[in-house]
Amino acid sequence: MTNEARSTPPPAKATLPEDIGMYLDSLRQQFPAIGQVFVLGADAADRAVSTWRLLAFGDQKVLAALRKNPDLRRESIDLLIVTDGDRFESVFEATPAGSLVAIRWELVDPDTATYGDGEAEARAKRVR
């Protein structure tokens, strides 16, 4: 058996509950500027959680439009929008703004990223 035959396929995207996936699909249809979406704490996709922390790449216009539409709020989702490639803000929560640089965001592959504070590292999996 050659090394090529033994190669493993790329990791699959994380799977979300159907209602969360449908919510994201709807958001992306309404706001085409929303690009990649990652679930923070990649193991969350493998267990039941009460609040999903999602990080979506968009822009300031998307963030402002989402904030103007309270009907899009879901109690089970903390949606963070990256507005300029680095800075992110929560759409509906009072969570302080943050920076991908500050949390040491690093893409491992197109569907996986790591982040953390230097002491603890977590994984994020792309879901859209």
Protein backbone atom coordinates (compact mmCIF):
# COMPACT_ATOMS: atom_id res chain seq x y z
CA MET A 1 0.00 0.00 0.00
CA THR A 2 1.43 3.38 -0.98
CA ASN A 3 1.46 6.49 1.16
CA GLU A 4 -1.04 8.05 -1.25
CA ALA A 5 -3.52 5.24 -0.63
CA ARG A 6 -3.18 5.73 3.12
CA SER A 7 -3.73 9.46 3.07
CA THR A 8 -6.67 10.61 5.11
CA PRO A 9 -9.37 12.85 3.73
CA PRO A 10 -9.49 16.46 4.92
CA PRO A 11 -11.43 17.00 8.15
CA ALA A 12 -15.16 17.47 7.68
CA LYS A 13 -16.86 20.71 8.64
CA ALA A 14 -18.51 20.73 12.03
CA THR A 15 -22.16 19.79 12.07
CA LEU A 16 -24.71 22.06 13.70
CA PRO A 17 -28.24 21.27 14.83
CA GLU A 18 -30.67 21.75 11.95
CA ASP A 19 -32.29 24.90 13.37
CA ILE A 20 -28.91 26.62 13.85
CA GLY A 21 -27.82 25.65 10.34
CA MET A 22 -31.07 26.93 8.84
CA TYR A 23 -30.68 30.19 10.78
CA LEU A 24 -27.17 30.68 9.37
CA ASP A 25 -28.29 29.84 5.84
CA SER A 26 -31.08 32.41 6.15
CA LEU A 27 -28.66 35.07 7.44
CA ARG A 28 -26.27 34.41 4.57
CA GLN A 29 -29.10 34.76 2.06
CA GLN A 30 -30.21 38.06 3.60
CA PHE A 31 -26.64 39.32 4.01
CA PRO A 32 -24.47 37.99 1.16
CA ALA A 33 -21.44 39.82 2.58
CA ILE A 34 -21.30 37.19 5.36
CA GLY A 35 -18.51 34.83 4.38
CA GLN A 36 -17.09 31.98 6.38
CA VAL A 37 -18.73 31.05 9.67
CA PHE A 38 -16.93 29.16 12.44
CA VAL A 39 -18.25 27.58 15.62
CA LEU A 40 -16.00 28.53 18.52
CA GLY A 41 -15.08 25.64 20.75
CA ALA A 42 -15.19 23.06 17.96
CA ASP A 43 -16.18 20.31 20.37
CA ALA A 44 -19.50 22.12 20.82
CA ALA A 45 -20.63 20.61 17.52
CA ASP A 46 -20.29 17.18 19.13
CA ARG A 47 -22.43 17.86 22.21
CA ALA A 48 -25.51 19.69 23.38
CA VAL A 49 -24.84 23.32 24.29
CA SER A 50 -27.16 26.03 25.53
CA THR A 51 -25.46 28.86 23.61
CA TRP A 52 -23.61 28.53 20.33
CA ARG A 53 -20.75 30.99 19.86
CA LEU A 54 -20.41 31.64 16.14
CA LEU A 55 -17.80 33.79 14.45
CA ALA A 56 -18.75 35.08 11.00
CA PHE A 57 -16.66 37.10 8.60
CA GLY A 58 -18.56 40.11 7.30
CA ASP A 59 -18.17 43.88 7.47
CA GLN A 60 -19.36 46.89 9.44
CA LYS A 61 -22.47 47.26 7.25
CA VAL A 62 -23.55 43.69 8.03
CA LEU A 63 -23.01 44.24 11.75
CA ALA A 64 -25.07 47.45 11.71
CA ALA A 65 -27.89 45.84 9.68
CA LEU A 66 -28.05 42.82 11.99
CA ARG A 67 -28.24 45.07 15.05
CA LYS A 68 -31.15 47.00 13.51
CA ASN A 69 -33.18 43.80 13.18
CA PRO A 70 -33.97 42.38 16.65
CA ASP A 71 -36.14 39.66 15.03
CA LEU A 72 -32.87 37.95 14.03
CA ARG A 73 -31.81 37.49 17.65
CA ARG A 74 -31.74 33.91 18.94
CA GLU A 75 -31.26 33.17 22.63
CA SER A 76 -29.19 30.11 21.75
CA ILE A 77 -26.69 31.99 19.54
CA ASP A 78 -23.96 34.49 20.36
CA LEU A 79 -23.07 35.75 16.89
CA LEU A 80 -19.76 37.56 16.51
CA ILE A 81 -19.02 39.45 13.28
CA VAL A 82 -15.46 40.09 12.08
CA THR A 83 -15.77 43.52 10.49
CA ASP A 84 -12.35 44.27 9.03
CA GLY A 85 -10.41 41.02 8.93
CA ASP A 86 -9.34 41.43 12.57
CA ARG A 87 -11.84 43.22 14.83
CA PHE A 88 -14.99 41.38 15.88
CA GLU A 89 -18.09 42.38 17.83
CA SER A 90 -21.09 40.53 19.17
CA VAL A 91 -24.25 41.36 17.25
CA PHE A 92 -26.74 41.12 20.11
CA GLU A 93 -24.79 40.49 23.33
CA ALA A 94 -23.00 43.03 25.48
CA THR A 95 -19.76 41.11 24.95
CA PRO A 96 -16.77 43.42 24.56
CA ALA A 97 -15.26 43.76 21.09
CA GLY A 98 -12.18 41.71 20.37
CA SER A 99 -9.42 41.11 17.89
CA LEU A 100 -8.38 37.97 16.04
CA VAL A 101 -4.76 39.01 16.57
CA ALA A 102 -5.34 39.37 20.32
CA ILE A 103 -6.90 35.90 20.59
CA ARG A 104 -4.13 34.45 18.39
CA TRP A 105 -6.53 33.24 15.68
CA GLU A 106 -4.69 30.94 13.29
CA LEU A 107 -6.09 28.92 10.42
CA VAL A 108 -4.80 25.37 10.59
CA ASP A 109 -6.55 24.42 7.35
CA PRO A 110 -9.52 25.91 5.43
CA ASP A 111 -12.00 24.40 7.92
CA THR A 112 -10.15 24.60 11.24
CA ALA A 113 -8.64 27.40 13.31
CA THR A 114 -7.04 27.62 16.72
CA TYR A 115 -7.30 30.51 19.13
CA GLY A 116 -6.50 31.24 22.74
CA ASP A 117 -4.86 33.46 25.28
CA GLY A 118 -1.41 31.90 25.22
CA GLU A 119 -2.11 29.58 28.15
CA ALA A 120 -5.12 27.69 26.83
CA GLU A 121 -5.86 26.92 23.21
CA ALA A 122 -9.22 26.13 21.67
CA ARG A 123 -10.37 25.02 18.24
CA ALA A 124 -12.89 26.50 15.88
CA LYS A 125 -14.48 24.56 13.02
CA ARG A 126 -15.92 26.07 9.89
CA VAL A 127 -19.65 25.41 9.55
CA ARG A 128 -20.45 27.51 6.47
